[in-house]
Amino acid sequence: MTEASLQLNQAGAASASAAASTWRTKLRALGPGILMATAAVGGSHIVSSTQAGAIYGWQLAILILLINLFKYPFFRFGTQYTAESGLNLIEGYATKGKVYLFVYFVLNVFSAIVNTAGTGILCAAILANIFPASWGLSISQITTMIVVFIWGMLLLGGYRFLDGLSKWIMTALTIATVAAVIIALFTHRAYVPDFVPPSPWQLSALPFMVSLMGWMPAPIEISTLNSMWAVEKRKSVKVSEKDAMFDFNVGYIGTAILAFFFLALGALIQYGNGEPVKSASAAYIAQFVSMYATALGSWARPLITVIAFLCIFGTVLTVIDGYSRANNEALRLLLGREEAPKHSLAVWMTVVAGAGLVIVFLFSGTVSTLLRFAMIASFITTPFFALLNYSLVSNKEHKLHGWLKWLSIVGLVYLFGFALFFIVAMVMGVAY
């Protein structure tokens, strides 16, 4: 990016930040934060959070609280950096050096492909539960239909379509989830005889805890996608810094609250019922739906399946769009181009969707393992991206409030410390 372009973006950002903030402008600014929430509420919530409640009851609530709290500043910095500079986070990485940008690009391409495959299969598994006969199609074939459908929607509708649809998905999801928890709270349920609550506070549970935190509330690279959606939003709506932060907080805090609702669903319905909780993500979806229907009545099956389907469908939608935008931008900067080729975003969407489907067909029996690996790898890389995001807003050009600075420092200590502890435990063979 040239110096003139940089100054122009910063001037535009300053002008937007100076605009008055009202409830009308706040509501108009909603979009990027909701997209972030839609991308986040998927494998981490409907699978990991619900499994945490189903296996350990309420014991891991503190872990979900801590990881949402300590990741908060580093996700926030993406919105803050874009609002103050007019640049997205990936452009910020480029200012730190091409080594940082290249590492991000490689990790992001891997995440895009694995996440598309994993979330696509989860979405297909839910659809197979809605239509048990599934027209004689395999999970891989249903996944292909879903991914191709979403790919076509994105090519035809673009960002504005995604922006509008995500709000409806998250609204419906929130209402359905809250309703399901309220129903479960007033439903009498007894534990099986001689039930012994399992403890997560042992080394054998460490991989599960780390995978839970890796995608809770989302992989940290989602912060770069959020900043790119924010830049795209500014093309159609003038957004002040206060309104941008409002949008981010609605999305992030809403996502964190939903994590506790999914934990509650698992704890209130599945915990202690005597049936082992399946670990495979796609297999767990079938158990997820059938257990809820058994506990609440067959009438609840459509409600639960709609919750699950909206979760994962929204995630697949935003994964393909967001990661494609990020890969397109990172490659542009690596090649030193002022602008990306006109149809390059459509090409990246095609590559991400196509490569994800290749993974689905070649490794359909082990995608759950790939998904768990991606979650753990995401947690291990989290502190490095967190430190990089922190470095972009802790300089003379950007202001960092006192409480946010201290929360960032404590968060970095927590993230680096837990990641190091996990790596040591794995090397020593005491975590499995």
Protein backbone atom coordinates (compact mmCIF):
# COMPACT_ATOMS: atom_id res chain seq x y z
CA MET A 1 0.00 0.00 0.00
CA THR A 2 1.36 3.43 -0.96
CA GLU A 3 1.84 6.28 1.52
CA ALA A 4 -0.86 8.28 -0.26
CA SER A 5 -3.36 5.42 0.03
CA LEU A 6 -2.49 4.98 3.69
CA GLN A 7 -3.08 8.65 4.43
CA LEU A 8 -6.35 8.61 2.48
CA ASN A 9 -7.64 5.63 4.48
CA GLN A 10 -6.62 7.20 7.77
CA ALA A 11 -8.30 10.47 6.81
CA GLY A 12 -11.49 8.60 5.92
CA ALA A 13 -11.39 6.70 9.19
CA ALA A 14 -10.88 9.91 11.16
CA SER A 15 -13.82 11.53 9.36
CA ALA A 16 -16.09 8.56 10.11
CA SER A 17 -14.99 8.48 13.75
CA ALA A 18 -15.89 12.13 14.16
CA ALA A 19 -19.49 11.52 13.08
CA ALA A 20 -22.25 11.64 15.71
CA SER A 21 -23.30 8.30 17.19
CA THR A 22 -27.02 7.62 17.72
CA TRP A 23 -29.09 4.48 18.14
CA ARG A 24 -30.06 4.76 14.49
CA THR A 25 -26.40 4.87 13.38
CA LYS A 26 -25.56 2.01 15.77
CA LEU A 27 -28.25 -0.21 14.29
CA ARG A 28 -27.16 0.74 10.76
CA ALA A 29 -23.58 -0.22 11.65
CA LEU A 30 -24.56 -3.76 12.66
CA GLY A 31 -23.09 -6.31 10.28
CA PRO A 32 -19.41 -7.25 10.69
CA GLY A 33 -19.86 -8.18 14.36
CA ILE A 34 -22.93 -10.26 13.54
CA LEU A 35 -21.01 -11.98 10.74
CA MET A 36 -18.25 -12.75 13.25
CA ALA A 37 -20.83 -14.26 15.60
CA THR A 38 -22.29 -16.34 12.77
CA ALA A 39 -18.83 -17.68 11.92
CA ALA A 40 -18.14 -18.38 15.60
CA VAL A 41 -21.35 -20.21 16.50
CA GLY A 42 -20.67 -23.58 14.95
CA GLY A 43 -18.30 -26.34 15.96
CA SER A 44 -17.23 -24.53 19.12
CA HIS A 45 -20.79 -24.03 20.37
CA ILE A 46 -23.11 -26.70 19.08
CA VAL A 47 -20.50 -29.46 19.43
CA SER A 48 -17.79 -28.50 21.95
CA SER A 49 -19.90 -26.40 24.34
CA THR A 50 -22.78 -28.86 24.34
CA GLN A 51 -20.40 -31.81 24.78
CA ALA A 52 -18.74 -29.97 27.67
CA GLY A 53 -22.11 -29.71 29.39
CA ALA A 54 -23.13 -33.27 28.46
CA ILE A 55 -19.90 -34.82 29.82
CA TYR A 56 -18.92 -32.53 32.70
CA GLY A 57 -22.10 -30.63 33.58
CA TRP A 58 -21.39 -27.06 34.68
CA GLN A 59 -17.76 -27.68 35.65
CA LEU A 60 -16.25 -26.14 32.49
CA ALA A 61 -18.33 -22.95 32.70
CA ILE A 62 -15.34 -21.21 34.30
CA LEU A 63 -13.11 -22.26 31.39
CA ILE A 64 -15.59 -20.88 28.84
CA LEU A 65 -15.79 -17.64 30.83
CA LEU A 66 -12.01 -17.24 31.01
CA ILE A 67 -11.26 -17.95 27.35
CA ASN A 68 -13.99 -15.55 26.19
CA LEU A 69 -12.68 -12.90 28.56
CA PHE A 70 -8.99 -13.29 27.68
CA LYS A 71 -9.58 -13.44 23.91
CA TYR A 72 -11.83 -10.37 24.00
CA PRO A 73 -9.16 -7.65 23.66
CA PHE A 74 -7.40 -9.37 20.76
CA PHE A 75 -10.63 -9.73 18.77
CA ARG A 76 -11.54 -6.16 19.69
CA PHE A 77 -8.21 -4.86 18.36
CA GLY A 78 -9.24 -5.92 14.85
CA THR A 79 -12.26 -3.61 14.94
CA GLN A 80 -10.33 -0.87 16.75
CA TYR A 81 -7.41 -0.94 14.32
CA THR A 82 -9.72 -0.74 11.30
CA ALA A 83 -11.85 2.03 12.81
CA GLU A 84 -8.78 4.14 13.65
CA SER A 85 -6.62 3.52 10.58
CA GLY A 86 -9.09 2.58 7.82
CA LEU A 87 -6.95 -0.52 7.16
CA ASN A 88 -7.79 -4.15 7.78
CA LEU A 89 -5.69 -6.30 10.10
CA ILE A 90 -3.98 -8.12 7.24
CA GLU A 91 -2.68 -4.80 5.92
CA GLY A 92 -1.50 -4.16 9.47
CA TYR A 93 0.39 -7.48 9.46
CA ALA A 94 2.06 -6.41 6.21
CA THR A 95 3.46 -3.34 7.96
CA LYS A 96 5.17 -5.67 10.44
CA GLY A 97 6.95 -7.57 7.67
CA LYS A 98 6.27 -10.17 4.99
CA VAL A 99 7.37 -13.05 7.23
CA TYR A 100 4.40 -12.41 9.52
CA LEU A 101 2.12 -12.08 6.51
CA PHE A 102 3.37 -15.31 4.90
CA VAL A 103 2.92 -17.35 8.09
CA TYR A 104 -0.60 -15.95 8.45
CA PHE A 105 -1.38 -16.78 4.81
CA VAL A 106 -0.24 -20.41 5.12
CA LEU A 107 -2.16 -20.98 8.36
CA ASN A 108 -5.23 -19.29 6.95
CA VAL A 109 -5.30 -21.42 3.78
CA PHE A 110 -5.09 -24.56 5.94
CA SER A 111 -7.84 -23.32 8.26
CA ALA A 112 -10.08 -22.35 5.34
CA ILE A 113 -9.94 -25.82 3.77
CA VAL A 114 -10.29 -27.83 7.00
CA ASN A 115 -13.01 -25.59 8.41
CA THR A 116 -15.03 -25.74 5.19
CA ALA A 117 -14.81 -29.54 5.19
CA GLY A 118 -15.59 -29.93 8.90
CA THR A 119 -18.47 -27.48 9.11
CA GLY A 120 -19.88 -28.68 5.80
CA ILE A 121 -20.07 -32.27 7.06
CA LEU A 122 -21.71 -31.13 10.30
CA CYS A 123 -24.32 -29.21 8.32
CA ALA A 124 -24.95 -32.25 6.13
CA ALA A 125 -25.33 -34.49 9.20
CA ILE A 126 -28.04 -32.19 10.54
CA LEU A 127 -29.86 -32.17 7.21
CA ALA A 128 -29.71 -35.97 7.17
CA ASN A 129 -31.44 -35.93 10.57
CA ILE A 130 -34.15 -33.62 9.29
CA PHE A 131 -34.73 -35.92 6.29
CA PRO A 132 -33.71 -39.41 7.49
CA ALA A 133 -34.10 -40.99 4.05
CA SER A 134 -31.81 -38.27 2.61
CA TRP A 135 -32.97 -39.22 -0.88
CA GLY A 136 -30.45 -42.07 -0.85
CA LEU A 137 -27.51 -39.65 -0.73
CA SER A 138 -24.36 -40.06 1.37
CA ILE A 139 -23.16 -37.42 3.85
CA SER A 140 -20.41 -36.47 1.39
CA GLN A 141 -22.95 -35.92 -1.39
CA ILE A 142 -25.21 -33.83 0.87
CA THR A 143 -22.17 -31.79 1.92
CA THR A 144 -21.42 -31.13 -1.75
CA MET A 145 -24.97 -29.88 -2.32
CA ILE A 146 -24.76 -27.52 0.65
CA VAL A 147 -21.32 -26.12 -0.20
CA VAL A 148 -22.20 -25.63 -3.88
CA PHE A 149 -25.46 -23.92 -2.91
CA ILE A 150 -23.65 -21.54 -0.53
CA TRP A 151 -20.89 -20.92 -3.10
CA GLY A 152 -23.51 -19.91 -5.66
CA MET A 153 -25.32 -17.67 -3.16
CA LEU A 154 -22.11 -15.82 -2.33
CA LEU A 155 -21.14 -15.33 -5.98
CA LEU A 156 -24.58 -13.93 -6.79
CA GLY A 157 -25.30 -11.99 -3.60
CA GLY A 158 -21.91 -10.87 -2.36
CA TYR A 159 -21.38 -9.07 0.92
CA ARG A 160 -24.76 -7.31 1.11
CA PHE A 161 -26.59 -10.62 0.87
CA LEU A 162 -24.35 -12.14 3.53
CA ASP A 163 -24.73 -9.07 5.77
CA GLY A 164 -28.53 -9.24 5.67
CA LEU A 165 -28.87 -13.02 5.95
CA SER A 166 -26.53 -13.29 8.95
CA LYS A 167 -28.77 -11.00 11.02
CA TRP A 168 -31.79 -13.23 10.40
CA ILE A 169 -29.81 -16.38 11.17
CA MET A 170 -28.47 -15.04 14.47
CA THR A 171 -31.86 -13.65 15.54
CA ALA A 172 -33.62 -16.97 14.87
CA LEU A 173 -30.79 -18.91 16.50
CA THR A 174 -30.84 -16.81 19.67
CA ILE A 175 -34.61 -17.05 20.09
CA ALA A 176 -34.64 -20.83 19.48
CA THR A 177 -31.71 -21.47 21.84
CA VAL A 178 -33.14 -19.42 24.69
CA ALA A 179 -36.51 -21.15 24.25
CA ALA A 180 -34.87 -24.59 24.37
CA VAL A 181 -32.99 -23.77 27.59
CA ILE A 182 -36.12 -22.41 29.28
CA ILE A 183 -38.01 -25.59 28.35
CA ALA A 184 -35.17 -27.74 29.71
CA LEU A 185 -35.08 -25.77 32.98
CA PHE A 186 -38.70 -26.66 33.69
CA THR A 187 -38.44 -30.29 32.61
CA HIS A 188 -37.96 -32.79 35.45
CA ARG A 189 -35.07 -35.17 34.88
CA ALA A 190 -33.30 -37.65 37.15
CA TYR A 191 -29.74 -38.96 36.91
CA VAL A 192 -29.12 -42.67 36.37
CA PRO A 193 -28.55 -44.66 39.58
CA ASP A 194 -25.00 -44.52 41.02
CA PHE A 195 -24.00 -41.72 38.65
CA VAL A 196 -20.45 -40.51 39.39
CA PRO A 197 -19.74 -37.04 37.94
CA PRO A 198 -16.54 -37.19 35.83
CA SER A 199 -13.92 -34.56 36.56
CA PRO A 200 -12.35 -32.46 33.77
CA TRP A 201 -9.49 -31.44 36.09
CA GLN A 202 -7.15 -34.22 35.03
CA LEU A 203 -4.53 -34.51 32.29
CA SER A 204 -6.55 -36.98 30.26
CA ALA A 205 -9.17 -34.26 29.69
CA LEU A 206 -6.59 -31.69 28.59
CA PRO A 207 -6.95 -32.24 24.79
CA PHE A 208 -10.72 -31.75 25.05
CA MET A 209 -10.28 -28.57 27.08
CA VAL A 210 -7.69 -27.18 24.64
CA SER A 211 -9.86 -27.94 21.60
CA LEU A 212 -12.79 -26.26 23.36
CA MET A 213 -10.72 -23.11 23.90
CA GLY A 214 -9.20 -23.18 20.41
CA TRP A 215 -12.49 -22.32 18.73
CA MET A 216 -14.09 -20.51 21.67
CA PRO A 217 -15.69 -18.19 20.75
CA ALA A 218 -13.90 -18.57 17.39
CA PRO A 219 -10.42 -19.14 15.93
CA ILE A 220 -8.53 -15.91 16.50
CA GLU A 221 -7.91 -15.45 12.77
CA ILE A 222 -11.61 -14.58 12.60
CA SER A 223 -10.49 -11.17 13.92
CA THR A 224 -8.88 -10.53 10.53
CA LEU A 225 -12.07 -11.55 8.74
CA ASN A 226 -14.05 -9.22 10.98
CA SER A 227 -11.77 -6.31 10.10
CA MET A 228 -12.23 -7.04 6.38
CA TRP A 229 -16.01 -7.19 6.75
CA ALA A 230 -15.75 -3.84 8.57
CA VAL A 231 -13.85 -2.33 5.62
CA GLU A 232 -16.48 -3.73 3.24
CA LYS A 233 -19.28 -2.28 5.41
CA ARG A 234 -17.69 1.18 5.21
CA LYS A 235 -18.09 1.12 1.43
CA SER A 236 -21.88 1.42 1.80
CA VAL A 237 -22.34 2.96 5.28
CA LYS A 238 -20.34 5.61 7.14
CA VAL A 239 -19.47 3.98 10.48
CA SER A 240 -18.03 5.88 13.46
CA GLU A 241 -15.57 4.27 15.86
CA LYS A 242 -18.22 4.12 18.61
CA ASP A 243 -20.72 2.46 16.29
CA ALA A 244 -18.08 0.00 15.09
CA MET A 245 -17.32 -0.98 18.68
CA PHE A 246 -21.04 -1.34 19.40
CA ASP A 247 -21.39 -3.74 16.48
CA PHE A 248 -18.36 -5.72 17.66
CA ASN A 249 -19.54 -5.95 21.26
CA VAL A 250 -23.02 -7.09 20.23
CA GLY A 251 -21.50 -9.88 18.15
CA TYR A 252 -18.76 -10.94 20.57
CA ILE A 253 -20.70 -10.73 23.84
CA GLY A 254 -23.75 -12.31 22.22
CA THR A 255 -21.60 -15.20 21.04
CA ALA A 256 -20.13 -15.68 24.53
CA ILE A 257 -23.59 -15.76 26.10
CA LEU A 258 -24.78 -18.31 23.52
CA ALA A 259 -21.83 -20.54 24.50
CA PHE A 260 -23.28 -20.75 28.01
CA PHE A 261 -26.73 -21.55 26.64
CA PHE A 262 -25.32 -24.49 24.68
CA LEU A 263 -23.39 -25.60 27.75
CA ALA A 264 -26.69 -25.41 29.66
CA LEU A 265 -28.47 -27.55 27.06
CA GLY A 266 -25.89 -30.30 27.44
CA ALA A 267 -25.84 -30.04 31.25
CA LEU A 268 -29.63 -29.96 31.64
CA ILE A 269 -30.52 -32.71 29.18
CA GLN A 270 -27.62 -35.06 28.46
CA TYR A 271 -25.48 -34.90 31.58
CA GLY A 272 -25.88 -37.97 33.78
CA ASN A 273 -28.44 -39.79 31.63
CA GLY A 274 -26.22 -42.87 31.36
CA GLU A 275 -25.64 -42.83 27.59
CA PRO A 276 -22.01 -42.26 26.53
CA VAL A 277 -21.45 -39.04 24.62
CA LYS A 278 -19.98 -39.73 21.20
CA SER A 279 -16.82 -37.81 20.42
CA ALA A 280 -17.05 -37.79 16.60
CA SER A 281 -18.56 -34.48 15.55
CA ALA A 282 -20.86 -35.75 12.79
CA ALA A 283 -21.93 -38.77 14.87
CA TYR A 284 -22.61 -36.49 17.81
CA ILE A 285 -25.08 -34.44 15.77
CA ALA A 286 -27.38 -37.48 15.46
CA GLN A 287 -27.07 -38.13 19.19
CA PHE A 288 -27.60 -34.43 19.90
CA VAL A 289 -30.95 -34.38 18.09
CA SER A 290 -32.27 -37.77 19.27
CA MET A 291 -31.39 -37.16 22.94
CA TYR A 292 -33.13 -33.80 22.99
CA ALA A 293 -36.20 -35.26 21.30
CA THR A 294 -36.28 -38.06 23.90
CA ALA A 295 -35.94 -35.68 26.83
CA LEU A 296 -38.34 -32.95 25.67
CA GLY A 297 -40.70 -34.93 23.48
CA SER A 298 -40.84 -35.66 19.78
CA TRP A 299 -42.41 -32.25 19.13
CA ALA A 300 -39.06 -30.65 20.03
CA ARG A 301 -37.13 -32.42 17.27
CA PRO A 302 -37.83 -29.73 14.62
CA LEU A 303 -36.84 -27.00 17.10
CA ILE A 304 -33.49 -28.62 17.95
CA THR A 305 -32.67 -29.48 14.34
CA VAL A 306 -33.45 -25.93 13.22
CA ILE A 307 -31.13 -24.57 15.94
CA ALA A 308 -28.34 -26.88 14.84
CA PHE A 309 -28.88 -26.31 11.13
CA LEU A 310 -28.93 -22.50 11.44
CA CYS A 311 -25.74 -22.67 13.50
CA ILE A 312 -23.70 -24.68 11.08
CA PHE A 313 -25.22 -23.30 7.86
CA GLY A 314 -24.32 -19.79 8.98
CA THR A 315 -20.83 -20.95 9.88
CA VAL A 316 -20.22 -22.59 6.48
CA LEU A 317 -21.52 -19.44 4.79
CA THR A 318 -19.19 -17.09 6.65
CA VAL A 319 -16.22 -19.47 6.58
CA ILE A 320 -16.21 -19.66 2.77
CA ASP A 321 -16.75 -15.91 2.37
CA GLY A 322 -14.47 -14.69 5.15
CA TYR A 323 -11.49 -16.97 4.62
CA SER A 324 -11.64 -16.35 0.87
CA ARG A 325 -11.51 -12.59 1.43
CA ALA A 326 -8.60 -12.99 3.83
CA ASN A 327 -6.62 -15.26 1.51
CA ASN A 328 -7.26 -12.93 -1.42
CA GLU A 329 -6.06 -9.92 0.57
CA ALA A 330 -2.99 -11.67 2.00
CA LEU A 331 -1.89 -12.87 -1.45
CA ARG A 332 -2.37 -9.37 -2.88
CA LEU A 333 -0.10 -7.90 -0.23
CA LEU A 334 2.49 -10.67 -0.57
CA LEU A 335 2.69 -9.96 -4.33
CA GLY A 336 2.89 -6.20 -3.68
CA ARG A 337 -0.16 -5.32 -5.77
CA GLU A 338 -2.18 -2.14 -5.23
CA GLU A 339 -5.42 -3.99 -6.02
CA ALA A 340 -6.41 -7.63 -6.38
CA PRO A 341 -7.56 -8.84 -9.82
CA LYS A 342 -11.27 -8.21 -10.44
CA HIS A 343 -12.47 -11.80 -10.17
CA SER A 344 -9.87 -13.06 -7.69
CA LEU A 345 -12.33 -13.21 -4.77
CA ALA A 346 -14.66 -15.45 -6.79
CA VAL A 347 -11.65 -17.63 -7.63
CA TRP A 348 -10.71 -17.93 -3.96
CA MET A 349 -14.30 -18.85 -3.03
CA THR A 350 -14.18 -21.55 -5.67
CA VAL A 351 -10.79 -22.82 -4.44
CA VAL A 352 -11.84 -22.88 -0.78
CA ALA A 353 -15.17 -24.60 -1.53
CA GLY A 354 -13.56 -27.06 -3.96
CA ALA A 355 -10.59 -27.95 -1.75
CA GLY A 356 -12.92 -28.39 1.22
CA LEU A 357 -15.01 -30.86 -0.79
CA VAL A 358 -11.87 -32.77 -1.81
CA ILE A 359 -11.09 -33.22 1.91
CA VAL A 360 -14.67 -34.36 2.50
CA PHE A 361 -14.49 -37.11 -0.15
CA LEU A 362 -10.92 -38.24 0.50
CA PHE A 363 -11.03 -38.19 4.29
CA SER A 364 -14.72 -38.48 5.12
CA GLY A 365 -14.00 -41.07 7.80
CA THR A 366 -11.46 -38.90 9.61
CA VAL A 367 -12.82 -35.37 9.23
CA SER A 368 -13.77 -35.32 12.93
CA THR A 369 -10.11 -36.02 13.72
CA LEU A 370 -9.04 -33.22 11.37
CA LEU A 371 -11.57 -30.93 13.05
CA ARG A 372 -10.20 -31.71 16.51
CA PHE A 373 -6.65 -31.22 15.22
CA ALA A 374 -7.66 -27.85 13.73
CA MET A 375 -9.17 -26.78 17.07
CA ILE A 376 -6.02 -27.70 18.99
CA ALA A 377 -3.73 -26.13 16.38
CA SER A 378 -5.86 -23.00 16.56
CA PHE A 379 -5.33 -22.73 20.30
CA ILE A 380 -1.57 -23.22 20.02
CA THR A 381 -1.30 -20.43 17.42
CA THR A 382 -3.71 -18.15 19.29
CA PRO A 383 -1.13 -16.44 21.57
CA PHE A 384 1.08 -15.53 18.59
CA PHE A 385 -1.76 -13.89 16.66
CA ALA A 386 -2.93 -12.27 19.90
CA LEU A 387 0.52 -10.75 20.41
CA LEU A 388 0.58 -9.56 16.80
CA ASN A 389 -2.84 -7.90 17.15
CA TYR A 390 -1.73 -6.30 20.42
CA SER A 391 1.40 -4.89 18.80
CA LEU A 392 -0.69 -3.11 16.15
CA VAL A 393 -2.65 -1.04 18.68
CA SER A 394 -0.08 -0.48 21.43
CA ASN A 395 1.96 2.25 19.76
CA LYS A 396 1.90 6.02 19.36
CA GLU A 397 -0.68 5.98 16.57
CA HIS A 398 -3.29 4.07 18.60
CA LYS A 399 -4.59 4.55 22.13
CA LEU A 400 -5.05 1.62 24.48
CA HIS A 401 -7.20 2.18 27.57
CA GLY A 402 -5.74 1.14 30.93
CA TRP A 403 -8.15 -1.71 31.71
CA LEU A 404 -7.84 -3.06 28.17
CA LYS A 405 -4.05 -2.99 28.35
CA TRP A 406 -3.99 -4.94 31.62
CA LEU A 407 -6.56 -7.43 30.38
CA SER A 408 -4.39 -7.92 27.27
CA ILE A 409 -1.28 -8.60 29.35
CA VAL A 410 -3.09 -11.07 31.62
CA GLY A 411 -4.65 -12.67 28.54
CA LEU A 412 -1.26 -13.12 26.86
CA VAL A 413 0.14 -14.74 30.02
CA TYR A 414 -2.85 -17.10 30.18
CA LEU A 415 -2.76 -18.02 26.47
CA PHE A 416 1.02 -18.53 26.28
CA GLY A 417 1.08 -20.34 29.63
CA PHE A 418 -1.74 -22.76 28.82
CA ALA A 419 -0.36 -23.46 25.33
CA LEU A 420 3.12 -24.18 26.75
CA PHE A 421 1.65 -26.39 29.48
CA PHE A 422 -0.30 -28.39 26.88
CA ILE A 423 2.72 -28.83 24.59
CA VAL A 424 4.89 -30.02 27.50
CA ALA A 425 2.16 -32.43 28.63
CA MET A 426 1.85 -33.85 25.10
CA VAL A 427 5.62 -34.24 24.69
CA MET A 428 5.85 -36.02 28.05
CA GLY A 429 2.95 -38.28 27.05
CA VAL A 430 0.81 -37.42 30.07
CA ALA A 431 -1.98 -35.80 28.05
CA TYR A 432 -3.81 -38.05 25.59
